[in-house]
Protein backbone atom coordinates (compact mmCIF):
# COMPACT_ATOMS: atom_id res chain seq x y z
CA MET A 1 82.55 86.64 116.15
CA LYS A 2 83.73 83.03 115.99
CA LEU A 3 86.40 82.00 113.51
CA PRO A 4 85.86 78.93 111.31
CA SER A 5 87.82 75.87 112.45
CA ASP A 6 88.39 74.47 108.93
CA GLY A 7 91.61 75.86 107.43
CA ALA A 8 90.20 76.61 103.97
CA MET A 9 87.14 78.28 105.42
CA LEU A 10 89.33 80.26 107.83
CA LEU A 11 91.48 81.52 104.96
CA SER A 12 88.46 82.61 102.95
CA PHE A 13 86.78 84.20 105.98
CA LEU A 14 89.86 86.19 107.00
CA ASN A 15 90.72 87.41 103.52
CA THR A 16 87.13 88.51 102.93
CA LYS A 17 86.98 90.38 106.24
CA LEU A 18 90.40 91.94 105.63
CA ARG A 19 89.36 93.08 102.16
CA ASP A 20 85.93 94.41 103.12
CA GLU A 21 86.01 95.50 106.76
CA TYR A 22 89.42 95.62 108.47
CA SER A 23 92.61 97.55 107.80
CA SER A 24 94.83 95.05 109.62
CA LEU A 25 94.98 91.47 110.84
CA ASP A 26 95.50 92.65 114.42
CA GLU A 27 92.29 94.71 114.31
CA LEU A 28 90.29 91.75 112.96
CA LEU A 29 91.69 89.25 115.46
CA GLU A 30 91.12 91.65 118.35
CA ASP A 31 87.44 91.87 117.41
CA CYS A 32 87.29 88.07 117.19
CA GLY A 33 89.19 87.49 120.41
CA ALA A 34 91.56 85.19 118.55
CA ASP A 35 95.26 84.59 119.07
CA ARG A 36 97.34 85.80 116.12
CA GLY A 37 100.02 83.14 116.64
CA GLU A 38 97.49 80.31 116.50
CA VAL A 39 95.79 81.69 113.40
CA GLU A 40 99.07 82.27 111.56
CA GLU A 41 100.34 78.82 112.54
CA LYS A 42 97.20 77.14 111.21
CA LEU A 43 97.38 78.99 107.89
CA ARG A 44 101.15 78.56 107.62
CA ALA A 45 100.57 74.80 107.78
CA LEU A 46 98.43 75.23 104.63
CA GLY A 47 101.14 77.27 102.92
CA TYR A 48 99.76 80.78 103.56
CA GLU A 49 101.46 83.77 105.16
CA TYR A 50 99.99 87.14 106.07
CA ASP A 51 101.21 89.91 103.79
CA PRO A 52 100.65 93.26 105.55
CA SER A 53 101.28 95.25 102.35
CA ARG A 54 98.30 93.49 100.75
CA ASN A 55 96.40 93.03 104.03
CA ALA A 56 95.74 89.42 103.03
CA PHE A 57 96.98 85.89 103.40
CA ARG A 58 98.82 84.70 100.28
């Protein structure tokens, strides 16, 4: 599974997958073969942080 390169699309994609299919960000990124640090850095630049208690970026 390839992650979207656009930040807004990435945010929407991840939150949808986390809500509907995955119990953690690590599980999702492992399936995608993506680096957690890179993903979090990209979304942090847009003002979003991963909240493990909600299993979503907020």
